[in-house]
Amino acid sequence: MNKILFIVEGTNDEITFIKRLFDKCNKLQNYEIVPYKTNLHNLACLLVKDGEIDSALDIRQVLKEKEKDPALKNKLSQDFSEIILVFDFEPQQDIPRFDLIRKLLIFFSNSTENGKLYINYPMMQSYRHFDTLPSKQFKDVIVTKDDALHYKEIVGQVSKFQNINHHNYNLFISFAYHHLLKLNYILENQYKLPNKEFIYNWSQIDLFDIQYKLLINHGYIHVINTFALYIIEYNADEFYKQITTHRSRFSI
């Protein structure tokens, strides 16, 4: 059985993104979505006890014990081949627990084992933080801690891609392409398409450490949506084929 469980932070943007993504990119994929309805910092406090995460922890069981909705409990009781968690970095958090979140990234590093955590910087809406595509300017897009307080409004003013009902396969590929370039820039200081091996070897921990250091020392972070990269990780061969075939569409 190939069925994916998505555990997401919110009840709107993450869910609509996932549904539209699979509708346009892989309609045959079987999946369920369960919203956690609170932020990553709170999740970290729930899962990390005395500075550690129980090696036998089952995220589905933890959420089942807290969930009151019978339909969501039923979803969490099903069998899944993969578990994906999608949450926001939220630099504006009043009582941040970035130390615990780093432990979550270590624990949730494999979708077929404990699950895989994708963190979006600063929030899910970062996937569409473009006024046009292709975009050379995206390399330099940052957000301060104060900006994060009204980040949704900022994206609402900047982005030309507000209506998700207009998102098609090519647009999802373009989103992924630009976030991949941005990731390569943050990690390797090169705003260009990395090779395919990069997709399988880059480290969520390395990205998190860079972002956290920037936040603490300079008060800002790079805007990047790691879940936008999911379409690449899901089928890297097809992604690179599309980029190679239609390179002029993505050239910057």
Protein backbone atom coordinates (compact mmCIF):
# COMPACT_ATOMS: atom_id res chain seq x y z
CA MET A 1 0.00 0.00 0.00
CA ASN A 2 1.29 3.45 -0.94
CA LYS A 3 -0.67 5.91 1.18
CA ILE A 4 0.69 9.14 2.63
CA LEU A 5 -0.35 10.82 5.86
CA PHE A 6 0.12 14.59 5.92
CA ILE A 7 0.12 16.16 9.38
CA VAL A 8 -0.14 19.90 8.86
CA GLU A 9 -0.23 22.97 11.04
CA GLY A 10 -3.26 24.83 9.72
CA THR A 11 -6.74 24.05 8.46
CA ASN A 12 -6.55 26.09 5.26
CA ASP A 13 -3.41 26.90 3.23
CA GLU A 14 -1.53 23.64 3.76
CA ILE A 15 -4.61 21.55 3.02
CA THR A 16 -5.60 23.44 -0.12
CA PHE A 17 -2.00 23.36 -1.36
CA ILE A 18 -1.70 19.58 -0.94
CA LYS A 19 -5.06 18.88 -2.55
CA ARG A 20 -4.31 21.10 -5.53
CA LEU A 21 -0.78 19.71 -5.85
CA PHE A 22 -1.96 16.13 -6.18
CA ASP A 23 -4.95 17.08 -8.30
CA LYS A 24 -2.62 18.63 -10.87
CA CYS A 25 0.50 16.52 -10.44
CA ASN A 26 -0.58 13.02 -9.38
CA LYS A 27 -4.31 12.32 -9.10
CA LEU A 28 -3.74 8.62 -8.40
CA GLN A 29 -1.84 9.19 -5.16
CA ASN A 30 -3.71 8.01 -2.06
CA TYR A 31 -3.35 10.27 0.98
CA GLU A 32 -5.00 11.70 4.09
CA ILE A 33 -4.53 15.11 5.72
CA VAL A 34 -4.81 15.77 9.47
CA PRO A 35 -4.46 19.35 10.77
CA TYR A 36 -2.70 19.67 14.14
CA LYS A 37 -4.24 23.14 14.65
CA THR A 38 -1.36 24.61 16.60
CA ASN A 39 2.21 25.65 15.86
CA LEU A 40 5.52 23.82 15.65
CA HIS A 41 6.79 25.32 18.89
CA ASN A 42 3.86 23.81 20.79
CA LEU A 43 4.30 20.49 19.02
CA ALA A 44 7.95 20.47 20.07
CA CYS A 45 6.99 21.05 23.71
CA LEU A 46 4.52 18.18 23.47
CA LEU A 47 6.95 15.68 21.98
CA VAL A 48 10.27 16.55 23.63
CA LYS A 49 10.33 15.50 27.29
CA ASP A 50 13.30 16.21 29.55
CA GLY A 51 15.28 17.27 26.50
CA GLU A 52 14.71 14.06 24.54
CA ILE A 53 12.22 12.41 22.21
CA ASP A 54 11.18 8.85 23.03
CA SER A 55 12.77 6.66 20.35
CA ALA A 56 9.54 4.63 20.20
CA LEU A 57 7.32 7.69 19.72
CA ASP A 58 4.48 7.26 17.20
CA ILE A 59 3.21 10.67 16.12
CA ARG A 60 -0.12 9.18 15.06
CA GLN A 61 -0.75 7.75 18.52
CA VAL A 62 0.19 11.03 20.19
CA LEU A 63 -2.26 12.97 18.04
CA LYS A 64 -5.00 10.35 18.44
CA GLU A 65 -4.85 10.81 22.20
CA LYS A 66 -5.41 14.55 21.79
CA GLU A 67 -7.89 14.48 18.92
CA LYS A 68 -11.61 14.83 19.66
CA ASP A 69 -12.90 14.60 16.11
CA PRO A 70 -13.88 10.94 15.39
CA ALA A 71 -13.22 11.36 11.66
CA LEU A 72 -9.66 12.56 12.28
CA LYS A 73 -9.10 9.80 14.85
CA ASN A 74 -10.13 7.32 12.19
CA LYS A 75 -7.67 8.80 9.72
CA LEU A 76 -4.86 8.52 12.26
CA SER A 77 -5.74 4.85 12.84
CA GLN A 78 -5.10 3.88 9.23
CA ASP A 79 -1.91 2.36 7.88
CA PHE A 80 0.43 4.60 5.90
CA SER A 81 3.56 4.02 3.90
CA GLU A 82 4.81 7.56 4.59
CA ILE A 83 4.22 10.35 7.10
CA ILE A 84 4.91 13.97 6.19
CA LEU A 85 4.73 16.86 8.67
CA VAL A 86 4.35 20.43 7.34
CA PHE A 87 4.84 23.31 9.79
CA ASP A 88 5.97 26.95 9.97
CA PHE A 89 9.22 28.33 11.44
CA GLU A 90 7.41 31.38 12.89
CA PRO A 91 10.30 33.61 14.03
CA GLN A 92 7.82 35.94 15.73
CA GLN A 93 6.81 33.31 18.34
CA ASP A 94 6.50 34.87 21.83
CA ILE A 95 8.05 31.90 23.61
CA PRO A 96 10.11 30.18 20.91
CA ARG A 97 11.47 26.67 21.33
CA PHE A 98 13.92 26.47 18.48
CA ASP A 99 16.16 24.21 20.56
CA LEU A 100 13.39 21.62 20.71
CA ILE A 101 12.42 22.09 17.06
CA ARG A 102 15.95 21.15 16.04
CA LYS A 103 15.46 17.87 17.90
CA LEU A 104 12.25 17.31 15.92
CA LEU A 105 14.16 17.71 12.66
CA ILE A 106 16.61 15.04 13.76
CA PHE A 107 13.83 12.64 14.78
CA PHE A 108 11.51 13.33 11.84
CA SER A 109 14.03 12.88 9.04
CA ASN A 110 12.64 9.92 7.09
CA SER A 111 9.07 9.75 5.78
CA THR A 112 8.96 5.94 5.80
CA GLU A 113 10.17 5.66 9.40
CA ASN A 114 9.22 8.22 12.10
CA GLY A 115 8.03 10.73 9.50
CA LYS A 116 9.65 13.67 7.74
CA LEU A 117 9.31 17.28 8.87
CA TYR A 118 9.20 20.13 6.36
CA ILE A 119 9.62 23.62 7.84
CA ASN A 120 8.51 26.66 5.86
CA TYR A 121 10.31 29.98 6.47
CA PRO A 122 8.61 31.95 7.82
CA MET A 123 5.23 30.36 6.93
CA MET A 124 3.40 28.23 4.36
CA GLN A 125 2.48 31.29 2.29
CA SER A 126 6.16 31.65 1.34
CA TYR A 127 5.64 29.21 -1.53
CA ARG A 128 3.99 32.00 -3.55
CA HIS A 129 6.14 34.97 -2.46
CA PHE A 130 6.71 36.14 -6.05
CA ASP A 131 5.50 39.14 -8.02
CA THR A 132 6.52 37.43 -11.25
CA LEU A 133 8.06 34.19 -12.52
CA PRO A 134 10.79 33.55 -13.39
CA SER A 135 12.38 35.70 -10.68
CA LYS A 136 15.99 36.77 -10.18
CA GLN A 137 14.95 38.82 -7.17
CA PHE A 138 13.77 35.84 -5.10
CA LYS A 139 17.38 35.16 -4.15
CA ASP A 140 17.37 38.25 -1.95
CA VAL A 141 13.89 38.01 -0.43
CA ILE A 142 14.12 38.01 3.37
CA VAL A 143 11.72 38.62 6.23
CA THR A 144 12.42 40.18 9.62
CA LYS A 145 10.98 39.05 12.91
CA ASP A 146 8.66 42.06 12.89
CA ASP A 147 7.63 41.42 9.27
CA ALA A 148 6.60 37.89 10.25
CA LEU A 149 3.85 39.33 12.46
CA HIS A 150 1.97 40.35 9.31
CA TYR A 151 3.61 38.08 6.75
CA LYS A 152 0.33 36.90 5.20
CA GLU A 153 -0.52 40.52 4.39
CA ILE A 154 2.93 41.06 2.86
CA VAL A 155 2.51 38.08 0.56
CA GLY A 156 -1.01 39.24 -0.23
CA GLN A 157 0.38 42.55 -1.47
CA VAL A 158 3.35 41.10 -3.37
CA SER A 159 2.22 37.83 -4.87
CA LYS A 160 0.60 37.55 -8.28
CA PHE A 161 -0.31 33.93 -7.51
CA GLN A 162 -3.03 34.27 -4.89
CA ASN A 163 -5.74 32.07 -6.40
CA ILE A 164 -4.72 28.45 -5.88
CA ASN A 165 -7.50 27.33 -8.21
CA HIS A 166 -5.36 28.74 -11.01
CA HIS A 167 -2.26 26.75 -10.02
CA ASN A 168 -1.38 24.11 -12.61
CA TYR A 169 1.39 21.56 -13.04
CA ASN A 170 3.77 24.01 -14.69
CA LEU A 171 3.30 26.57 -11.92
CA PHE A 172 4.00 23.99 -9.20
CA ILE A 173 7.18 23.06 -11.08
CA SER A 174 8.15 26.74 -11.30
CA PHE A 175 7.54 27.25 -7.56
CA ALA A 176 9.70 24.21 -6.80
CA TYR A 177 12.42 25.35 -9.20
CA HIS A 178 12.78 28.76 -7.56
CA HIS A 179 12.76 27.39 -4.03
CA LEU A 180 15.41 24.87 -5.08
CA LEU A 181 17.58 27.69 -6.43
CA LYS A 182 17.05 29.59 -3.18
CA LEU A 183 17.98 26.52 -1.14
CA ASN A 184 21.17 26.08 -3.17
CA TYR A 185 21.96 29.75 -2.61
CA ILE A 186 21.48 29.51 1.16
CA LEU A 187 23.48 26.30 1.55
CA GLU A 188 26.07 26.67 -1.22
CA ASN A 189 25.96 30.40 -2.09
CA GLN A 190 24.94 29.59 -5.68
CA TYR A 191 21.62 30.80 -7.06
CA LYS A 192 21.47 28.19 -9.79
CA LEU A 193 20.04 24.74 -10.39
CA PRO A 194 22.01 22.11 -8.45
CA ASN A 195 22.52 18.58 -9.69
CA LYS A 196 20.09 15.79 -8.88
CA GLU A 197 22.25 14.39 -6.08
CA PHE A 198 21.71 17.64 -4.16
CA ILE A 199 18.00 16.77 -3.83
CA TYR A 200 18.77 13.58 -1.94
CA ASN A 201 21.65 14.88 0.16
CA TRP A 202 20.79 18.37 1.39
CA SER A 203 20.20 18.70 5.12
CA GLN A 204 17.15 20.22 6.80
CA ILE A 205 19.36 20.65 9.87
CA ASP A 206 21.91 22.71 7.95
CA LEU A 207 19.16 24.99 6.62
CA PHE A 208 17.61 25.35 10.06
CA ASP A 209 20.96 26.19 11.69
CA ILE A 210 21.68 28.90 9.10
CA GLN A 211 18.22 30.41 9.48
CA TYR A 212 18.35 30.35 13.26
CA LYS A 213 21.79 31.97 13.31
CA LEU A 214 20.57 34.73 10.98
CA LEU A 215 17.53 35.33 13.17
CA ILE A 216 19.55 35.56 16.39
CA ASN A 217 22.44 37.61 15.00
CA HIS A 218 20.70 39.80 12.42
CA GLY A 219 16.96 39.62 13.08
CA TYR A 220 15.94 38.22 9.70
CA ILE A 221 15.65 34.93 7.81
CA HIS A 222 15.59 33.92 4.15
CA VAL A 223 12.16 33.31 2.67
CA ILE A 224 12.05 29.70 1.52
CA ASN A 225 9.37 27.02 1.47
CA THR A 226 10.83 23.54 1.89
CA PHE A 227 7.49 21.84 1.25
CA ALA A 228 7.43 23.42 -2.21
CA LEU A 229 10.36 21.08 -2.88
CA TYR A 230 8.24 18.02 -2.15
CA ILE A 231 7.23 17.68 -5.80
CA ILE A 232 10.93 17.32 -6.67
CA GLU A 233 11.67 14.75 -4.00
CA TYR A 234 8.54 12.85 -4.97
CA ASN A 235 9.82 12.42 -8.55
CA ALA A 236 13.20 14.04 -9.14
CA ASP A 237 13.66 12.39 -12.54
CA GLU A 238 10.48 13.95 -13.91
CA PHE A 239 11.30 17.34 -12.38
CA TYR A 240 14.74 17.51 -14.02
CA LYS A 241 13.26 16.29 -17.27
CA GLN A 242 10.77 19.17 -17.24
CA ILE A 243 13.48 21.69 -16.40
CA THR A 244 15.72 20.41 -19.18
CA THR A 245 12.92 20.27 -21.75
CA HIS A 246 11.51 23.69 -20.95
CA ARG A 247 14.64 25.48 -19.72
CA SER A 248 13.67 28.78 -21.40
CA ARG A 249 10.56 28.93 -19.21
CA PHE A 250 12.69 28.90 -16.07
CA SER A 251 15.78 30.84 -17.19
CA ILE A 252 16.64 33.81 -14.98
